[in-house]
Amino acid sequence: SGGAFNSYEEFSEILRKVREALGEEALKNIHIHISGIDYTDRGEREHLNLEESDLKWQELLQALHDAGADGTVISESPNIEGDAVLMKEFWERLSSR
């Protein structure tokens, strides 16, 4: 997508299409990689830490949570562990509401 999708509404629409095409089980066993990405006109240049990127990762996680997604999220940022903890803590806050 070249970073074209970056809002709760867009993430939710993609997840709706996944559910529609592949069924609920696809969301229950989802496996995705998340990081910020710096794009050039040629495409992906490098991965960025979440807080240094324009990726609306909280909105992405909110959309995943609202869609009932479960499975595995892999951090691909340069700060793998730090961003993994950041996402895990945010997910836990969503789940405790």
PDB file of N, CA and C in Angstrom:
ATOM      1  N   SER A   1       0.817  -1.203   0.000  1.00  0.00           N
ATOM      2  CA  SER A   1       0.000   0.000   0.000  1.00  0.00           C
ATOM      3  C   SER A   1       0.854   1.258   0.000  1.00  0.00           C
ATOM      4  N   GLY A   2       2.157   1.122   0.277  1.00  0.00           N
ATOM      5  CA  GLY A   2       3.011   2.303   0.306  1.00  0.00           C
ATOM      6  C   GLY A   2       2.646   3.281   1.394  1.00  0.00           C
ATOM      7  N   GLY A   3       2.041   2.764   2.462  1.00  0.00           N
ATOM      8  CA  GLY A   3       1.647   3.630   3.567  1.00  0.00           C
ATOM      9  C   GLY A   3       0.341   4.363   3.330  1.00  0.00           C
ATOM     10  N   ALA A   4      -0.393   3.951   2.287  1.00  0.00           N
ATOM     11  CA  ALA A   4      -1.626   4.658   1.928  1.00  0.00           C
ATOM     12  C   ALA A   4      -2.725   4.508   2.974  1.00  0.00           C
ATOM     13  N   PHE A   5      -2.725   3.417   3.704  1.00  0.00           N
ATOM     14  CA  PHE A   5      -3.756   3.173   4.715  1.00  0.00           C
ATOM     15  C   PHE A   5      -3.191   3.521   6.080  1.00  0.00           C
ATOM     16  N   ASN A   6      -3.766   4.522   6.738  1.00  0.00           N
ATOM     17  CA  ASN A   6      -3.177   4.955   8.004  1.00  0.00           C
ATOM     18  C   ASN A   6      -4.208   5.604   8.918  1.00  0.00           C
ATOM     19  N   SER A   7      -5.411   5.048   8.931  1.00  0.00           N
ATOM     20  CA  SER A   7      -6.427   5.564   9.848  1.00  0.00           C
ATOM     21  C   SER A   7      -7.242   4.395  10.384  1.00  0.00           C
ATOM     22  N   TYR A   8      -7.910   4.630  11.489  1.00  0.00           N
ATOM     23  CA  TYR A   8      -8.761   3.599  12.077  1.00  0.00           C
ATOM     24  C   TYR A   8      -9.775   3.098  11.051  1.00  0.00           C
ATOM     25  N   GLU A   9     -10.393   3.997  10.343  1.00  0.00           N
ATOM     26  CA  GLU A   9     -11.413   3.622   9.366  1.00  0.00           C
ATOM     27  C   GLU A   9     -10.827   2.749   8.267  1.00  0.00           C
ATOM     28  N   GLU A  10      -9.659   3.119   7.763  1.00  0.00           N
ATOM     29  CA  GLU A  10      -9.024   2.333   6.696  1.00  0.00           C
ATOM     30  C   GLU A  10      -8.584   0.966   7.211  1.00  0.00           C
ATOM     31  N   PHE A  11      -7.989   0.917   8.394  1.00  0.00           N
ATOM     32  CA  PHE A  11      -7.589  -0.368   8.969  1.00  0.00           C
ATOM     33  C   PHE A  11      -8.813  -1.255   9.183  1.00  0.00           C
ATOM     34  N   SER A  12      -9.888  -0.669   9.694  1.00  0.00           N
ATOM     35  CA  SER A  12     -11.117  -1.429   9.947  1.00  0.00           C
ATOM     36  C   SER A  12     -11.706  -1.980   8.655  1.00  0.00           C
ATOM     37  N   GLU A  13     -11.658  -1.195   7.610  1.00  0.00           N
ATOM     38  CA  GLU A  13     -12.185  -1.649   6.321  1.00  0.00           C
ATOM     39  C   GLU A  13     -11.371  -2.825   5.785  1.00  0.00           C
ATOM     40  N   ILE A  14     -10.061  -2.772   5.920  1.00  0.00           N
ATOM     41  CA  ILE A  14      -9.215  -3.888   5.485  1.00  0.00           C
ATOM     42  C   ILE A  14      -9.556  -5.141   6.285  1.00  0.00           C
ATOM     43  N   LEU A  15      -9.708  -5.001   7.587  1.00  0.00           N
ATOM     44  CA  LEU A  15     -10.047  -6.153   8.430  1.00  0.00           C
ATOM     45  C   LEU A  15     -11.430  -6.700   8.086  1.00  0.00           C
ATOM     46  N   ARG A  16     -12.360  -5.829   7.746  1.00  0.00           N
ATOM     47  CA  ARG A  16     -13.692  -6.278   7.320  1.00  0.00           C
ATOM     48  C   ARG A  16     -13.579  -7.109   6.045  1.00  0.00           C
ATOM     49  N   LYS A  17     -12.743  -6.657   5.120  1.00  0.00           N
ATOM     50  CA  LYS A  17     -12.558  -7.389   3.863  1.00  0.00           C
ATOM     51  C   LYS A  17     -11.870  -8.728   4.103  1.00  0.00           C
ATOM     52  N   VAL A  18     -10.928  -8.769   5.033  1.00  0.00           N
ATOM     53  CA  VAL A  18     -10.287 -10.041   5.387  1.00  0.00           C
ATOM     54  C   VAL A  18     -11.336 -11.006   5.926  1.00  0.00           C
ATOM     55  N   ARG A  19     -12.164 -10.523   6.848  1.00  0.00           N
ATOM     56  CA  ARG A  19     -13.221 -11.370   7.422  1.00  0.00           C
ATOM     57  C   ARG A  19     -14.170 -11.864   6.327  1.00  0.00           C
ATOM     58  N   GLU A  20     -14.552 -10.957   5.452  1.00  0.00           N
ATOM     59  CA  GLU A  20     -15.486 -11.296   4.378  1.00  0.00           C
ATOM     60  C   GLU A  20     -14.894 -12.342   3.427  1.00  0.00           C
ATOM     61  N   ALA A  21     -13.629 -12.184   3.074  1.00  0.00           N
ATOM     62  CA  ALA A  21     -12.994 -13.071   2.096  1.00  0.00           C
ATOM     63  C   ALA A  21     -12.516 -14.389   2.698  1.00  0.00           C
ATOM     64  N   LEU A  22     -12.004 -14.342   3.933  1.00  0.00           N
ATOM     65  CA  LEU A  22     -11.350 -15.518   4.509  1.00  0.00           C
ATOM     66  C   LEU A  22     -12.057 -16.089   5.730  1.00  0.00           C
ATOM     67  N   GLY A  23     -13.025 -15.354   6.244  1.00  0.00           N
ATOM     68  CA  GLY A  23     -13.768 -15.840   7.399  1.00  0.00           C
ATOM     69  C   GLY A  23     -13.192 -15.357   8.718  1.00  0.00           C
ATOM     70  N   GLU A  24     -13.983 -15.551   9.752  1.00  0.00           N
ATOM     71  CA  GLU A  24     -13.620 -15.123  11.113  1.00  0.00           C
ATOM     72  C   GLU A  24     -12.310 -15.752  11.578  1.00  0.00           C
ATOM     73  N   GLU A  25     -12.077 -16.992  11.176  1.00  0.00           N
ATOM     74  CA  GLU A  25     -10.875 -17.719  11.605  1.00  0.00           C
ATOM     75  C   GLU A  25      -9.595 -16.990  11.188  1.00  0.00           C
ATOM     76  N   ALA A  26      -9.637 -16.298  10.056  1.00  0.00           N
ATOM     77  CA  ALA A  26      -8.455 -15.557   9.597  1.00  0.00           C
ATOM     78  C   ALA A  26      -8.075 -14.464  10.586  1.00  0.00           C
ATOM     79  N   LEU A  27      -9.063 -13.818  11.188  1.00  0.00           N
ATOM     80  CA  LEU A  27      -8.772 -12.777  12.179  1.00  0.00           C
ATOM     81  C   LEU A  27      -8.352 -13.386  13.510  1.00  0.00           C
ATOM     82  N   LYS A  28      -8.856 -14.553  13.817  1.00  0.00           N
ATOM     83  CA  LYS A  28      -8.513 -15.208  15.089  1.00  0.00           C
ATOM     84  C   LYS A  28      -7.091 -15.760  15.069  1.00  0.00           C
ATOM     85  N   ASN A  29      -6.541 -15.969  13.876  1.00  0.00           N
ATOM     86  CA  ASN A  29      -5.182 -16.513  13.742  1.00  0.00           C
ATOM     87  C   ASN A  29      -4.278 -15.570  12.961  1.00  0.00           C
ATOM     88  N   ILE A  30      -4.510 -14.280  13.108  1.00  0.00           N
ATOM     89  CA  ILE A  30      -3.779 -13.294  12.310  1.00  0.00           C
ATOM     90  C   ILE A  30      -2.297 -13.269  12.701  1.00  0.00           C
ATOM     91  N   HIS A  31      -1.448 -13.053  11.730  1.00  0.00           N
ATOM     92  CA  HIS A  31       0.001 -12.912  11.940  1.00  0.00           C
ATOM     93  C   HIS A  31       0.424 -11.691  11.134  1.00  0.00           C
ATOM     94  N   ILE A  32       0.822 -10.631  11.841  1.00  0.00           N
ATOM     95  CA  ILE A  32       1.202  -9.400  11.151  1.00  0.00           C
ATOM     96  C   ILE A  32       2.499  -8.840  11.728  1.00  0.00           C
ATOM     97  N   HIS A  33       3.182  -8.066  10.912  1.00  0.00           N
ATOM     98  CA  HIS A  33       4.406  -7.374  11.304  1.00  0.00           C
ATOM     99  C   HIS A  33       4.101  -5.880  11.282  1.00  0.00           C
ATOM    100  N   ILE A  34       4.521  -5.180  12.336  1.00  0.00           N
ATOM    101  CA  ILE A  34       4.236  -3.748  12.443  1.00  0.00           C
ATOM    102  C   ILE A  34       5.523  -2.978  12.714  1.00  0.00           C
ATOM    103  N   SER A  35       5.696  -1.897  11.989  1.00  0.00           N
ATOM    104  CA  SER A  35       6.734  -0.903  12.285  1.00  0.00           C
ATOM    105  C   SER A  35       6.376   0.349  11.505  1.00  0.00           C
ATOM    106  N   GLY A  36       6.982   1.448  11.891  1.00  0.00           N
ATOM    107  CA  GLY A  36       6.892   2.619  11.052  1.00  0.00           C
ATOM    108  C   GLY A  36       7.765   2.377   9.841  1.00  0.00           C
ATOM    109  N   ILE A  37       7.446   3.011   8.742  1.00  0.00           N
ATOM    110  CA  ILE A  37       8.237   2.825   7.526  1.00  0.00           C
ATOM    111  C   ILE A  37       8.458   4.176   6.868  1.00  0.00           C
ATOM    112  N   ASP A  38       9.697   4.386   6.452  1.00  0.00           N
ATOM    113  CA  ASP A  38      10.044   5.571   5.675  1.00  0.00           C
ATOM    114  C   ASP A  38       9.970   5.172   4.206  1.00  0.00           C
ATOM    115  N   TYR A  39       9.114   5.859   3.453  1.00  0.00           N
ATOM    116  CA  TYR A  39       8.930   5.551   2.037  1.00  0.00           C
ATOM    117  C   TYR A  39       9.607   6.599   1.169  1.00  0.00           C
ATOM    118  N   THR A  40      10.093   6.148   0.032  1.00  0.00           N
ATOM    119  CA  THR A  40      10.564   7.044  -1.020  1.00  0.00           C
ATOM    120  C   THR A  40       9.641   6.838  -2.218  1.00  0.00           C
ATOM    121  N   ASP A  41       9.901   7.538  -3.299  1.00  0.00           N
ATOM    122  CA  ASP A  41       9.077   7.336  -4.493  1.00  0.00           C
ATOM    123  C   ASP A  41       9.259   5.938  -5.074  1.00  0.00           C
ATOM    124  N   ARG A  42      10.314   5.241  -4.668  1.00  0.00           N
ATOM    125  CA  ARG A  42      10.554   3.865  -5.119  1.00  0.00           C
ATOM    126  C   ARG A  42       9.947   2.821  -4.188  1.00  0.00           C
ATOM    127  N   GLY A  43       9.458   3.256  -3.051  1.00  0.00           N
ATOM    128  CA  GLY A  43       8.867   2.315  -2.097  1.00  0.00           C
ATOM    129  C   GLY A  43       9.518   2.403  -0.729  1.00  0.00           C
ATOM    130  N   GLU A  44       9.522   1.276  -0.041  1.00  0.00           N
ATOM    131  CA  GLU A  44      10.018   1.217   1.331  1.00  0.00           C
ATOM    132  C   GLU A  44      11.522   1.470   1.385  1.00  0.00           C
ATOM    133  N   ARG A  45      11.931   2.423   2.239  1.00  0.00           N
ATOM    134  CA  ARG A  45      13.352   2.721   2.397  1.00  0.00           C
ATOM    135  C   ARG A  45      13.919   2.068   3.639  1.00  0.00           C
ATOM    136  N   GLU A  46      13.231   2.280   4.788  1.00  0.00           N
ATOM    137  CA  GLU A  46      13.711   1.686   6.032  1.00  0.00           C
ATOM    138  C   GLU A  46      12.586   1.634   7.054  1.00  0.00           C
ATOM    139  N   HIS A  47      12.772   0.755   8.023  1.00  0.00           N
ATOM    140  CA  HIS A  47      11.830   0.662   9.133  1.00  0.00           C
ATOM    141  C   HIS A  47      12.188   1.715  10.176  1.00  0.00           C
ATOM    142  N   LEU A  48      11.158   2.248  10.837  1.00  0.00           N
ATOM    143  CA  LEU A  48      11.335   3.287  11.851  1.00  0.00           C
ATOM    144  C   LEU A  48      10.704   2.837  13.160  1.00  0.00           C
ATOM    145  N   ASN A  49      11.204   3.390  14.253  1.00  0.00           N
ATOM    146  CA  ASN A  49      10.550   3.170  15.541  1.00  0.00           C
ATOM    147  C   ASN A  49       9.153   3.774  15.480  1.00  0.00           C
ATOM    148  N   LEU A  50       8.220   3.160  16.179  1.00  0.00           N
ATOM    149  CA  LEU A  50       6.827   3.598  16.109  1.00  0.00           C
ATOM    150  C   LEU A  50       6.656   5.073  16.440  1.00  0.00           C
ATOM    151  N   GLU A  51       7.284   5.523  17.505  1.00  0.00           N
ATOM    152  CA  GLU A  51       7.091   6.908  17.937  1.00  0.00           C
ATOM    153  C   GLU A  51       7.818   7.918  17.057  1.00  0.00           C
ATOM    154  N   GLU A  52       8.661   7.446  16.146  1.00  0.00           N
ATOM    155  CA  GLU A  52       9.370   8.328  15.217  1.00  0.00           C
ATOM    156  C   GLU A  52       8.744   8.295  13.823  1.00  0.00           C
ATOM    157  N   SER A  53       7.658   7.566  13.693  1.00  0.00           N
ATOM    158  CA  SER A  53       7.034   7.403  12.384  1.00  0.00           C
ATOM    159  C   SER A  53       5.664   8.068  12.352  1.00  0.00           C
ATOM    160  N   ASP A  54       5.083   8.103  11.165  1.00  0.00           N
ATOM    161  CA  ASP A  54       3.730   8.648  11.050  1.00  0.00           C
ATOM    162  C   ASP A  54       2.664   7.551  11.084  1.00  0.00           C
ATOM    163  N   LEU A  55       3.077   6.307  11.312  1.00  0.00           N
ATOM    164  CA  LEU A  55       2.102   5.222  11.424  1.00  0.00           C
ATOM    165  C   LEU A  55       1.212   5.450  12.634  1.00  0.00           C
ATOM    166  N   LYS A  56      -0.075   5.405  12.417  1.00  0.00           N
ATOM    167  CA  LYS A  56      -1.034   5.552  13.521  1.00  0.00           C
ATOM    168  C   LYS A  56      -1.254   4.171  14.139  1.00  0.00           C
ATOM    169  N   TRP A  57      -0.213   3.692  14.815  1.00  0.00           N
ATOM    170  CA  TRP A  57      -0.208   2.319  15.313  1.00  0.00           C
ATOM    171  C   TRP A  57      -1.264   2.086  16.385  1.00  0.00           C
ATOM    172  N   GLN A  58      -1.577   3.118  17.182  1.00  0.00           N
ATOM    173  CA  GLN A  58      -2.640   2.936  18.178  1.00  0.00           C
ATOM    174  C   GLN A  58      -3.980   2.704  17.481  1.00  0.00           C
ATOM    175  N   GLU A  59      -4.216   3.414  16.389  1.00  0.00           N
ATOM    176  CA  GLU A  59      -5.455   3.220  15.635  1.00  0.00           C
ATOM    177  C   GLU A  59      -5.485   1.838  14.991  1.00  0.00           C
ATOM    178  N   LEU A  60      -4.325   1.361  14.530  1.00  0.00           N
ATOM    179  CA  LEU A  60      -4.241   0.010  13.973  1.00  0.00           C
ATOM    180  C   LEU A  60      -4.576  -1.030  15.035  1.00  0.00           C
ATOM    181  N   LEU A  61      -3.961  -0.898  16.212  1.00  0.00           N
ATOM    182  CA  LEU A  61      -4.250  -1.849  17.291  1.00  0.00           C
ATOM    183  C   LEU A  61      -5.700  -1.744  17.745  1.00  0.00           C
ATOM    184  N   GLN A  62      -6.246  -0.544  17.790  1.00  0.00           N
ATOM    185  CA  GLN A  62      -7.659  -0.377  18.157  1.00  0.00           C
ATOM    186  C   GLN A  62      -8.554  -1.092  17.145  1.00  0.00           C
ATOM    187  N   ALA A  63      -8.249  -0.948  15.862  1.00  0.00           N
ATOM    188  CA  ALA A  63      -9.042  -1.612  14.823  1.00  0.00           C
ATOM    189  C   ALA A  63      -8.939  -3.130  14.944  1.00  0.00           C
ATOM    190  N   LEU A  64      -7.735  -3.634  15.210  1.00  0.00           N
ATOM    191  CA  LEU A  64      -7.559  -5.076  15.413  1.00  0.00           C
ATOM    192  C   LEU A  64      -8.371  -5.550  16.612  1.00  0.00           C
ATOM    193  N   HIS A  65      -8.295  -4.805  17.697  1.00  0.00           N
ATOM    194  CA  HIS A  65      -9.027  -5.155  18.921  1.00  0.00           C
ATOM    195  C   HIS A  65     -10.530  -5.143  18.667  1.00  0.00           C
ATOM    196  N   ASP A  66     -11.023  -4.096  18.035  1.00  0.00           N
ATOM    197  CA  ASP A  66     -12.456  -3.968  17.774  1.00  0.00           C
ATOM    198  C   ASP A  66     -12.966  -5.053  16.825  1.00  0.00           C
ATOM    199  N   ALA A  67     -12.087  -5.536  15.945  1.00  0.00           N
ATOM    200  CA  ALA A  67     -12.465  -6.594  15.004  1.00  0.00           C
ATOM    201  C   ALA A  67     -12.417  -7.975  15.652  1.00  0.00           C
ATOM    202  N   GLY A  68     -11.951  -8.032  16.900  1.00  0.00           N
ATOM    203  CA  GLY A  68     -11.850  -9.318  17.585  1.00  0.00           C
ATOM    204  C   GLY A  68     -10.659 -10.139  17.132  1.00  0.00           C
ATOM    205  N   ALA A  69      -9.652  -9.467  16.582  1.00  0.00           N
ATOM    206  CA  ALA A  69      -8.471 -10.173  16.090  1.00  0.00           C
ATOM    207  C   ALA A  69      -7.683 -10.773  17.247  1.00  0.00           C
ATOM    208  N   ASP A  70      -7.046 -11.879  16.961  1.00  0.00           N
ATOM    209  CA  ASP A  70      -6.171 -12.551  17.915  1.00  0.00           C
ATOM    210  C   ASP A  70      -5.077 -13.209  17.089  1.00  0.00           C
ATOM    211  N   GLY A  71      -3.955 -13.438  17.686  1.00  0.00           N
ATOM    212  CA  GLY A  71      -2.868 -14.067  16.953  1.00  0.00           C
ATOM    213  C   GLY A  71      -1.538 -13.485  17.360  1.00  0.00           C
ATOM    214  N   THR A  72      -0.721 -13.145  16.367  1.00  0.00           N
ATOM    215  CA  THR A  72       0.651 -12.714  16.626  1.00  0.00           C
ATOM    216  C   THR A  72       0.951 -11.397  15.924  1.00  0.00           C
ATOM    217  N   VAL A  73       1.537 -10.471  16.677  1.00  0.00           N
ATOM    218  CA  VAL A  73       2.039  -9.217  16.122  1.00  0.00           C
ATOM    219  C   VAL A  73       3.544  -9.202  16.342  1.00  0.00           C
ATOM    220  N   ILE A  74       4.293  -9.004  15.284  1.00  0.00           N
ATOM    221  CA  ILE A  74       5.751  -8.959  15.329  1.00  0.00           C
ATOM    222  C   ILE A  74       6.196  -7.518  15.124  1.00  0.00           C
ATOM    223  N   SER A  75       7.054  -7.027  16.009  1.00  0.00           N
ATOM    224  CA  SER A  75       7.638  -5.698  15.842  1.00  0.00           C
ATOM    225  C   SER A  75       8.808  -5.797  14.875  1.00  0.00           C
ATOM    226  N   GLU A  76       8.793  -4.959  13.851  1.00  0.00           N
ATOM    227  CA  GLU A  76       9.893  -4.916  12.889  1.00  0.00           C
ATOM    228  C   GLU A  76      10.660  -3.600  12.963  1.00  0.00           C
ATOM    229  N   SER A  77      10.454  -2.850  14.024  1.00  0.00           N
ATOM    230  CA  SER A  77      11.139  -1.566  14.133  1.00  0.00           C
ATOM    231  C   SER A  77      12.600  -1.781  14.531  1.00  0.00           C
ATOM    232  N   PRO A  78      13.441  -0.775  14.368  1.00  0.00           N
ATOM    233  CA  PRO A  78      14.829  -0.889  14.818  1.00  0.00           C
ATOM    234  C   PRO A  78      14.925  -1.170  16.324  1.00  0.00           C
ATOM    235  N   ASN A  79      13.965  -0.683  17.084  1.00  0.00           N
ATOM    236  CA  ASN A  79      13.902  -0.928  18.528  1.00  0.00           C
ATOM    237  C   ASN A  79      12.860  -2.028  18.765  1.00  0.00           C
ATOM    238  N   ILE A  80      13.190  -3.236  18.350  1.00  0.00           N
ATOM    239  CA  ILE A  80      12.226  -4.343  18.349  1.00  0.00           C
ATOM    240  C   ILE A  80      11.570  -4.531  19.707  1.00  0.00           C
ATOM    241  N   GLU A  81      12.389  -4.684  20.734  1.00  0.00           N
ATOM    242  CA  GLU A  81      11.843  -4.975  22.062  1.00  0.00           C
ATOM    243  C   GLU A  81      11.050  -3.803  22.616  1.00  0.00           C
ATOM    244  N   GLY A  82      11.581  -2.601  22.468  1.00  0.00           N
ATOM    245  CA  GLY A  82      10.903  -1.420  22.996  1.00  0.00           C
ATOM    246  C   GLY A  82       9.539  -1.209  22.363  1.00  0.00           C
ATOM    247  N   ASP A  83       9.468  -1.336  21.047  1.00  0.00           N
ATOM    248  CA  ASP A  83       8.185  -1.157  20.373  1.00  0.00           C
ATOM    249  C   ASP A  83       7.247  -2.331  20.638  1.00  0.00           C
ATOM    250  N   ALA A  84       7.795  -3.528  20.810  1.00  0.00           N
ATOM    251  CA  ALA A  84       6.948  -4.678  21.167  1.00  0.00           C
ATOM    252  C   ALA A  84       6.284  -4.440  22.518  1.00  0.00           C
ATOM    253  N   VAL A  85       7.045  -3.940  23.480  1.00  0.00           N
ATOM    254  CA  VAL A  85       6.485  -3.640  24.804  1.00  0.00           C
ATOM    255  C   VAL A  85       5.453  -2.518  24.695  1.00  0.00           C
ATOM    256  N   LEU A  86       5.760  -1.492  23.912  1.00  0.00           N
ATOM    257  CA  LEU A  86       4.832  -0.376  23.710  1.00  0.00           C
ATOM    258  C   LEU A  86       3.487  -0.884  23.183  1.00  0.00           C
ATOM    259  N   MET A  87       3.535  -1.747  22.167  1.00  0.00           N
ATOM    260  CA  MET A  87       2.298  -2.290  21.602  1.00  0.00           C
ATOM    261  C   MET A  87       1.591  -3.222  22.582  1.00  0.00           C
ATOM    262  N   LYS A  88       2.353  -4.033  23.288  1.00  0.00           N
ATOM    263  CA  LYS A  88       1.758  -4.964  24.260  1.00  0.00           C
ATOM    264  C   LYS A  88       1.030  -4.200  25.363  1.00  0.00           C
ATOM    265  N   GLU A  89       1.664  -3.168  25.888  1.00  0.00           N
ATOM    266  CA  GLU A  89       1.035  -2.380  26.953  1.00  0.00           C
ATOM    267  C   GLU A  89      -0.225  -1.677  26.453  1.00  0.00           C
ATOM    268  N   PHE A  90      -0.184  -1.164  25.226  1.00  0.00           N
ATOM    269  CA  PHE A  90      -1.369  -0.514  24.663  1.00  0.00           C
ATOM    270  C   PHE A  90      -2.488  -1.538  24.482  1.00  0.00           C
ATOM    271  N   TRP A  91      -2.162  -2.722  23.972  1.00  0.00           N
ATOM    272  CA  TRP A  91      -3.151  -3.789  23.782  1.00  0.00           C
ATOM    273  C   TRP A  91      -3.774  -4.190  25.117  1.00  0.00           C
ATOM    274  N   GLU A  92      -2.947  -4.303  26.138  1.00  0.00           N
ATOM    275  CA  GLU A  92      -3.464  -4.677  27.460  1.00  0.00           C
ATOM    276  C   GLU A  92      -4.415  -3.616  28.002  1.00  0.00           C
ATOM    277  N   ARG A  93      -4.120  -2.343  27.751  1.00  0.00           N
ATOM    278  CA  ARG A  93      -5.045  -1.280  28.169  1.00  0.00           C
ATOM    279  C   ARG A  93      -6.375  -1.397  27.422  1.00  0.00           C
ATOM    280  N   LEU A  94      -6.319  -1.697  26.134  1.00  0.00           N
ATOM    281  CA  LEU A  94      -7.547  -1.883  25.362  1.00  0.00           C
ATOM    282  C   LEU A  94      -8.359  -3.051  25.911  1.00  0.00           C
ATOM    283  N   SER A  95      -7.668  -4.110  26.257  1.00  0.00           N
ATOM    284  CA  SER A  95      -8.340  -5.329  26.719  1.00  0.00           C
ATOM    285  C   SER A  95      -8.906  -5.200  28.116  1.00  0.00           C
ATOM    286  N   SER A  96      -8.407  -4.244  28.892  1.00  0.00           N
ATOM    287  CA  SER A  96      -8.883  -4.097  30.271  1.00  0.00           C
ATOM    288  C   SER A  96     -10.077  -3.153  30.372  1.00  0.00           C
ATOM    289  N   ARG A  97     -10.473  -2.545  29.275  1.00  0.00           N
ATOM    290  CA  ARG A  97     -11.609  -1.606  29.278  1.00  0.00           C
ATOM    291  C   ARG A  97     -12.916  -2.337  29.379  1.00  0.00           C
TER     292      ARG A  97
END
